[in-house]
C-alpha cells in the first residue's frame, strides 16, 4: 500500500537518496541532495514537500515551491523511484499538493515540464494545468548532463485570474482567445500610449 502524506523532518534523508537514485547528480536544484537543506526549506515554508511511502521507504516526492511575496507557488521537484513508476504516484502527489494549495487559498499554481518527458506533460494535463509558454533551452537536462532542455510552462488558476483586454492587441494574436477561454478576460483597459512624449530642457 502506498501512502501519500506531508513532509516530516525524518523524511529528509530518504528524499535525498531518492533523487540520487532517480537523477544521479543532475537535478537542477542542488539543495534537494542535502538533507539539512531539505529540512530547512520545509521548516521555513519555502518548500512544502509531500512524499509517497511504501513499506517504510520513500518512493516518491513533490513539493510546492512558494514565493513569500505572492500567493503563487510552483508544483515542482517530482521524483518517483524506478520500481514504483506507472502506478500513478506522481499524479497522486500532485493532487495532494493541489488540494493543499487550495486550502491555503493560493491564487495560482505553475509547473515546468521538460519537453522530452511526455509523462510529466500528461500528468500536468490530468491535474488541470494549461500550457501557456515554451521556454527554449531553459535548463540543463536532468537526464543527460551534456544537453539542454526546452521547458513547457503550465498554469492553473485556483482563483479568478482574467487576462487583461487591451484594444491595441486584442485582435492581433490568435493565442489570446485561448488564454481567455481558460482564465477569463477583464473589461477593456485604457489605451496604452504607443510613444512616450519627449521633453528636452536646456539648463545651459
C-alpha atoms as a PDB file:
ATOM      1  CA  UNK A   1       0.000   0.000   0.000  1.00  0.00           C
ATOM      2  CA  UNK A   2       1.310   3.432  -0.982  1.00  0.00           C
ATOM      3  CA  UNK A   3       0.614   6.290   1.442  1.00  0.00           C
ATOM      4  CA  UNK A   4       0.731   9.965   0.351  1.00  0.00           C
ATOM      5  CA  UNK A   5       1.395  12.419   3.165  1.00  0.00           C
ATOM      6  CA  UNK A   6       3.034  15.717   4.045  1.00  0.00           C
ATOM      7  CA  UNK A   7       6.729  16.014   4.876  1.00  0.00           C
ATOM      8  CA  UNK A   8       8.136  15.034   8.271  1.00  0.00           C
ATOM      9  CA  UNK A   9      11.681  16.006   9.360  1.00  0.00           C
ATOM     10  CA  UNK A  10      12.786  12.361   9.372  1.00  0.00           C
ATOM     11  CA  UNK A  11      11.997  12.169   5.632  1.00  0.00           C
ATOM     12  CA  UNK A  12      14.935  14.328   4.529  1.00  0.00           C
ATOM     13  CA  UNK A  13      17.485  11.534   4.162  1.00  0.00           C
ATOM     14  CA  UNK A  14      15.076   9.365   2.198  1.00  0.00           C
ATOM     15  CA  UNK A  15      14.199  12.221  -0.156  1.00  0.00           C
ATOM     16  CA  UNK A  16      17.862  12.952  -0.836  1.00  0.00           C
ATOM     17  CA  UNK A  17      18.551   9.282  -1.565  1.00  0.00           C
ATOM     18  CA  UNK A  18      15.510   9.076  -3.862  1.00  0.00           C
ATOM     19  CA  UNK A  19      16.778  11.947  -6.030  1.00  0.00           C
ATOM     20  CA  UNK A  20      20.210  10.357  -6.274  1.00  0.00           C
ATOM     21  CA  UNK A  21      18.660   7.109  -7.451  1.00  0.00           C
ATOM     22  CA  UNK A  22      16.414   8.832  -9.994  1.00  0.00           C
ATOM     23  CA  UNK A  23      18.612  11.659 -11.317  1.00  0.00           C
ATOM     24  CA  UNK A  24      22.161  10.817 -10.133  1.00  0.00           C
ATOM     25  CA  UNK A  25      23.731  14.260  -9.574  1.00  0.00           C
ATOM     26  CA  UNK A  26      21.978  16.026 -12.479  1.00  0.00           C
ATOM     27  CA  UNK A  27      18.868  17.503 -10.850  1.00  0.00           C
ATOM     28  CA  UNK A  28      18.585  21.244 -11.375  1.00  0.00           C
ATOM     29  CA  UNK A  29      18.002  22.177  -7.686  1.00  0.00           C
ATOM     30  CA  UNK A  30      21.115  21.049  -5.751  1.00  0.00           C
ATOM     31  CA  UNK A  31      19.557  21.660  -2.307  1.00  0.00           C
ATOM     32  CA  UNK A  32      17.429  18.554  -2.833  1.00  0.00           C
ATOM     33  CA  UNK A  33      20.575  16.445  -2.322  1.00  0.00           C
ATOM     34  CA  UNK A  34      21.340  17.889   1.127  1.00  0.00           C
ATOM     35  CA  UNK A  35      19.074  16.547   3.911  1.00  0.00           C
ATOM     36  CA  UNK A  36      19.667  19.544   6.201  1.00  0.00           C
ATOM     37  CA  UNK A  37      18.629  21.906   3.374  1.00  0.00           C
ATOM     38  CA  UNK A  38      15.507  19.859   2.664  1.00  0.00           C
ATOM     39  CA  UNK A  39      14.511  20.163   6.324  1.00  0.00           C
ATOM     40  CA  UNK A  40      15.407  23.856   6.437  1.00  0.00           C
ATOM     41  CA  UNK A  41      13.394  24.770   3.322  1.00  0.00           C
ATOM     42  CA  UNK A  42      10.365  22.926   4.672  1.00  0.00           C
ATOM     43  CA  UNK A  43      10.729  24.495   8.128  1.00  0.00           C
ATOM     44  CA  UNK A  44      10.883  27.953   6.515  1.00  0.00           C
ATOM     45  CA  UNK A  45       7.900  27.078   4.295  1.00  0.00           C
ATOM     46  CA  UNK A  46       9.884  27.839   1.144  1.00  0.00           C
ATOM     47  CA  UNK A  47       9.008  24.279   0.176  1.00  0.00           C
ATOM     48  CA  UNK A  48       6.003  22.235   1.198  1.00  0.00           C
ATOM     49  CA  UNK A  49       7.056  18.695   0.428  1.00  0.00           C
ATOM     50  CA  UNK A  50       4.844  15.653   0.140  1.00  0.00           C
ATOM     51  CA  UNK A  51       6.091  12.077  -0.032  1.00  0.00           C
ATOM     52  CA  UNK A  52       4.840   8.709  -1.184  1.00  0.00           C
ATOM     53  CA  UNK A  53       5.745   5.952   1.274  1.00  0.00           C
ATOM     54  CA  UNK A  54       5.630   2.177   0.817  1.00  0.00           C
ATOM     55  CA  UNK A  55       6.779  -0.295   3.462  1.00  0.00           C
ATOM     56  CA  UNK A  56       8.514   2.491   5.344  1.00  0.00           C
ATOM     57  CA  UNK A  57      10.552   3.691   2.318  1.00  0.00           C
ATOM     58  CA  UNK A  58      10.102   6.938   0.404  1.00  0.00           C
ATOM     59  CA  UNK A  59       9.308   6.092  -3.221  1.00  0.00           C
ATOM     60  CA  UNK A  60       8.037   9.480  -4.403  1.00  0.00           C
ATOM     61  CA  UNK A  61       8.376  13.206  -3.740  1.00  0.00           C
ATOM     62  CA  UNK A  62       6.905  16.501  -4.928  1.00  0.00           C
ATOM     63  CA  UNK A  63       6.725  19.971  -3.429  1.00  0.00           C
ATOM     64  CA  UNK A  64       5.055  23.342  -3.594  1.00  0.00           C
ATOM     65  CA  UNK A  65       7.750  25.972  -4.022  1.00  0.00           C
ATOM     66  CA  UNK A  66       6.212  29.204  -2.784  1.00  0.00           C
ATOM     67  CA  UNK A  67       7.309  32.800  -3.195  1.00  0.00           C
ATOM     68  CA  UNK A  68       6.720  34.639   0.088  1.00  0.00           C
ATOM     69  CA  UNK A  69       5.784  37.836  -1.766  1.00  0.00           C
ATOM     70  CA  UNK A  70       2.918  36.356  -3.785  1.00  0.00           C
ATOM     71  CA  UNK A  71       0.016  33.936  -3.461  1.00  0.00           C
ATOM     72  CA  UNK A  72       1.540  31.744  -6.162  1.00  0.00           C
ATOM     73  CA  UNK A  73       3.508  28.510  -5.973  1.00  0.00           C
ATOM     74  CA  UNK A  74       5.298  26.178  -8.350  1.00  0.00           C
ATOM     75  CA  UNK A  75       4.486  22.469  -8.277  1.00  0.00           C
ATOM     76  CA  UNK A  76       7.989  21.078  -8.570  1.00  0.00           C
ATOM     77  CA  UNK A  77      10.682  18.560  -7.598  1.00  0.00           C
ATOM     78  CA  UNK A  78       8.891  15.393  -8.693  1.00  0.00           C
ATOM     79  CA  UNK A  79      10.696  12.108  -8.336  1.00  0.00           C
ATOM     80  CA  UNK A  80       9.383   8.545  -8.414  1.00  0.00           C
ATOM     81  CA  UNK A  81      11.521   5.512  -7.645  1.00  0.00           C
ATOM     82  CA  UNK A  82      12.077   3.376 -10.772  1.00  0.00           C
ATOM     83  CA  UNK A  83      10.391   0.371  -9.126  1.00  0.00           C
ATOM     84  CA  UNK A  84       7.216   2.406  -8.486  1.00  0.00           C
ATOM     85  CA  UNK A  85       6.693   4.041 -11.878  1.00  0.00           C
ATOM     86  CA  UNK A  86       3.474   3.803 -13.896  1.00  0.00           C
ATOM     87  CA  UNK A  87       1.382   3.405 -10.742  1.00  0.00           C
ATOM     88  CA  UNK A  88       0.115   6.998 -10.560  1.00  0.00           C
ATOM     89  CA  UNK A  89       2.467   8.008  -7.737  1.00  0.00           C
ATOM     90  CA  UNK A  90       3.399  11.388  -9.242  1.00  0.00           C
ATOM     91  CA  UNK A  91      -0.214  12.166 -10.103  1.00  0.00           C
ATOM     92  CA  UNK A  92      -1.347  11.354  -6.555  1.00  0.00           C
ATOM     93  CA  UNK A  93       1.391  13.580  -5.131  1.00  0.00           C
ATOM     94  CA  UNK A  94       0.325  16.369  -7.476  1.00  0.00           C
ATOM     95  CA  UNK A  95      -3.345  16.012  -6.489  1.00  0.00           C
ATOM     96  CA  UNK A  96      -2.393  16.080  -2.812  1.00  0.00           C
ATOM     97  CA  UNK A  97      -0.404  19.293  -3.208  1.00  0.00           C
ATOM     98  CA  UNK A  98      -3.058  20.947  -5.384  1.00  0.00           C
ATOM     99  CA  UNK A  99      -5.519  20.319  -2.534  1.00  0.00           C
ATOM    100  CA  UNK A 100      -3.027  21.828  -0.070  1.00  0.00           C
ATOM    101  CA  UNK A 101      -2.710  24.917  -2.299  1.00  0.00           C
ATOM    102  CA  UNK A 102      -6.483  25.362  -2.361  1.00  0.00           C
ATOM    103  CA  UNK A 103      -6.695  25.006   1.430  1.00  0.00           C
ATOM    104  CA  UNK A 104      -4.113  27.797   1.709  1.00  0.00           C
ATOM    105  CA  UNK A 105      -6.129  29.912  -0.739  1.00  0.00           C
ATOM    106  CA  UNK A 106      -3.238  30.335  -3.149  1.00  0.00           C
ATOM    107  CA  UNK A 107      -4.242  32.081  -6.351  1.00  0.00           C
ATOM    108  CA  UNK A 108      -2.076  30.373  -8.962  1.00  0.00           C
ATOM    109  CA  UNK A 109      -0.020  27.221  -9.459  1.00  0.00           C
ATOM    110  CA  UNK A 110       2.622  26.786 -12.143  1.00  0.00           C
ATOM    111  CA  UNK A 111       4.509  23.731 -13.319  1.00  0.00           C
ATOM    112  CA  UNK A 112       7.580  23.345 -15.568  1.00  0.00           C
ATOM    113  CA  UNK A 113       7.907  20.214 -17.729  1.00  0.00           C
ATOM    114  CA  UNK A 114      10.957  19.286 -19.787  1.00  0.00           C
ATOM    115  CA  UNK A 115       9.889  18.609 -23.367  1.00  0.00           C
ATOM    116  CA  UNK A 116      11.497  15.154 -23.524  1.00  0.00           C
ATOM    117  CA  UNK A 117       9.440  13.864 -20.574  1.00  0.00           C
ATOM    118  CA  UNK A 118       5.994  13.190 -22.006  1.00  0.00           C
ATOM    119  CA  UNK A 119       4.681  11.587 -18.808  1.00  0.00           C
ATOM    120  CA  UNK A 120       5.028  14.851 -16.850  1.00  0.00           C
ATOM    121  CA  UNK A 121       3.062  16.627 -19.574  1.00  0.00           C
ATOM    122  CA  UNK A 122       0.283  14.041 -19.379  1.00  0.00           C
ATOM    123  CA  UNK A 123       0.255  14.342 -15.591  1.00  0.00           C
ATOM    124  CA  UNK A 124       0.002  18.148 -15.747  1.00  0.00           C
ATOM    125  CA  UNK A 125      -2.967  17.845 -18.092  1.00  0.00           C
ATOM    126  CA  UNK A 126      -4.698  15.438 -15.683  1.00  0.00           C
ATOM    127  CA  UNK A 127      -4.127  17.982 -12.896  1.00  0.00           C
ATOM    128  CA  UNK A 128      -5.845  20.721 -14.983  1.00  0.00           C
ATOM    129  CA  UNK A 129      -2.755  22.745 -15.864  1.00  0.00           C
ATOM    130  CA  UNK A 130      -2.894  24.687 -19.118  1.00  0.00           C
ATOM    131  CA  UNK A 131       0.140  25.225 -21.336  1.00  0.00           C
ATOM    132  CA  UNK A 132       0.984  28.920 -21.580  1.00  0.00           C
ATOM    133  CA  UNK A 133       4.617  29.149 -22.720  1.00  0.00           C
ATOM    134  CA  UNK A 134       7.617  27.338 -24.177  1.00  0.00           C
ATOM    135  CA  UNK A 135      10.990  28.231 -22.650  1.00  0.00           C
ATOM    136  CA  UNK A 136      13.628  27.229 -25.216  1.00  0.00           C
ATOM    137  CA  UNK A 137      16.863  25.614 -23.960  1.00  0.00           C
ATOM    138  CA  UNK A 138      15.840  26.676 -20.469  1.00  0.00           C
ATOM    139  CA  UNK A 139      17.661  24.167 -18.304  1.00  0.00           C
ATOM    140  CA  UNK A 140      20.422  21.561 -18.290  1.00  0.00           C
ATOM    141  CA  UNK A 141      18.808  18.196 -18.919  1.00  0.00           C
ATOM    142  CA  UNK A 142      18.241  16.141 -15.748  1.00  0.00           C
ATOM    143  CA  UNK A 143      18.591  13.000 -17.886  1.00  0.00           C
ATOM    144  CA  UNK A 144      21.751  13.810 -19.869  1.00  0.00           C
ATOM    145  CA  UNK A 145      24.014  16.500 -18.455  1.00  0.00           C
ATOM    146  CA  UNK A 146      25.595  17.409 -21.807  1.00  0.00           C
ATOM    147  CA  UNK A 147      22.237  18.564 -23.236  1.00  0.00           C
ATOM    148  CA  UNK A 148      19.881  21.431 -22.557  1.00  0.00           C
ATOM    149  CA  UNK A 149      16.112  21.015 -22.381  1.00  0.00           C
ATOM    150  CA  UNK A 150      13.323  23.267 -23.500  1.00  0.00           C
ATOM    151  CA  UNK A 151      10.612  23.578 -20.870  1.00  0.00           C
ATOM    152  CA  UNK A 152       6.839  23.813 -21.148  1.00  0.00           C
ATOM    153  CA  UNK A 153       5.222  26.156 -18.636  1.00  0.00           C
ATOM    154  CA  UNK A 154       1.805  25.170 -17.319  1.00  0.00           C
ATOM    155  CA  UNK A 155      -0.543  27.330 -15.247  1.00  0.00           C
ATOM    156  CA  UNK A 156      -3.559  26.502 -13.101  1.00  0.00           C
ATOM    157  CA  UNK A 157      -5.661  29.375 -11.784  1.00  0.00           C
ATOM    158  CA  UNK A 158      -7.034  28.489  -8.350  1.00  0.00           C
ATOM    159  CA  UNK A 159      -8.662  31.908  -8.068  1.00  0.00           C
ATOM    160  CA  UNK A 160     -10.011  34.048 -10.951  1.00  0.00           C
ATOM    161  CA  UNK A 161      -7.057  35.353 -12.982  1.00  0.00           C
ATOM    162  CA  UNK A 162      -8.590  37.095 -16.019  1.00  0.00           C
ATOM    163  CA  UNK A 163      -6.462  38.177 -18.958  1.00  0.00           C
ATOM    164  CA  UNK A 164      -6.457  41.977 -19.462  1.00  0.00           C
ATOM    165  CA  UNK A 165      -8.258  43.017 -22.648  1.00  0.00           C
ATOM    166  CA  UNK A 166      -6.147  45.671 -24.350  1.00  0.00           C
ATOM    167  CA  UNK A 167      -7.661  47.176 -27.501  1.00  0.00           C
ATOM    168  CA  UNK A 168      -4.345  47.576 -29.297  1.00  0.00           C
ATOM    169  CA  UNK A 169      -3.514  43.848 -29.189  1.00  0.00           C
ATOM    170  CA  UNK A 170      -6.831  42.030 -28.721  1.00  0.00           C
ATOM    171  CA  UNK A 171      -7.269  41.381 -32.452  1.00  0.00           C
ATOM    172  CA  UNK A 172      -3.638  40.744 -33.326  1.00  0.00           C
ATOM    173  CA  UNK A 173      -2.787  37.481 -31.586  1.00  0.00           C
ATOM    174  CA  UNK A 174      -4.628  34.209 -32.084  1.00  0.00           C
ATOM    175  CA  UNK A 175      -3.448  32.853 -28.717  1.00  0.00           C
ATOM    176  CA  UNK A 176      -5.290  35.486 -26.657  1.00  0.00           C
ATOM    177  CA  UNK A 177      -8.711  33.813 -27.075  1.00  0.00           C
ATOM    178  CA  UNK A 178      -7.152  30.509 -25.953  1.00  0.00           C
ATOM    179  CA  UNK A 179      -5.953  32.114 -22.722  1.00  0.00           C
ATOM    180  CA  UNK A 180      -9.219  33.962 -22.110  1.00  0.00           C
ATOM    181  CA  UNK A 181     -11.170  30.698 -22.559  1.00  0.00           C
ATOM    182  CA  UNK A 182      -9.295  29.192 -19.593  1.00  0.00           C
ATOM    183  CA  UNK A 183      -8.726  32.253 -17.412  1.00  0.00           C
ATOM    184  CA  UNK A 184     -11.454  34.714 -18.430  1.00  0.00           C
ATOM    185  CA  UNK A 185     -10.974  38.257 -19.694  1.00  0.00           C
ATOM    186  CA  UNK A 186     -11.396  41.594 -17.976  1.00  0.00           C
ATOM    187  CA  UNK A 187     -13.159  44.578 -19.442  1.00  0.00           C
ATOM    188  CA  UNK A 188     -11.177  46.776 -21.757  1.00  0.00           C
ATOM    189  CA  UNK A 189      -8.320  48.644 -20.140  1.00  0.00           C
ATOM    190  CA  UNK A 190      -7.378  52.209 -21.062  1.00  0.00           C
ATOM    191  CA  UNK A 191      -5.383  52.555 -24.256  1.00  0.00           C
ATOM    192  CA  UNK A 192      -1.630  52.106 -23.960  1.00  0.00           C
ATOM    193  CA  UNK A 193       0.331  55.032 -25.432  1.00  0.00           C
ATOM    194  CA  UNK A 194       2.343  53.932 -28.450  1.00  0.00           C
ATOM    195  CA  UNK A 195       5.034  56.505 -27.750  1.00  0.00           C
ATOM    196  CA  UNK A 196       6.228  58.479 -24.747  1.00  0.00           C
ATOM    197  CA  UNK A 197       6.417  62.277 -25.156  1.00  0.00           C
ATOM    198  CA  UNK A 198       9.966  63.583 -25.135  1.00  0.00           C
ATOM    199  CA  UNK A 199      10.746  66.745 -23.203  1.00  0.00           C
ATOM    200  CA  UNK A 200      14.103  68.438 -23.795  1.00  0.00           C
ATOM    201  CA  UNK A 201      15.204  71.054 -21.283  1.00  0.00           C
ATOM    202  CA  UNK A 202      18.191  73.338 -21.831  1.00  0.00           C
ATOM    203  CA  UNK A 203      19.792  74.030 -18.468  1.00  0.00           C
ATOM    204  CA  UNK A 204      22.749  75.848 -20.018  1.00  0.00           C
END
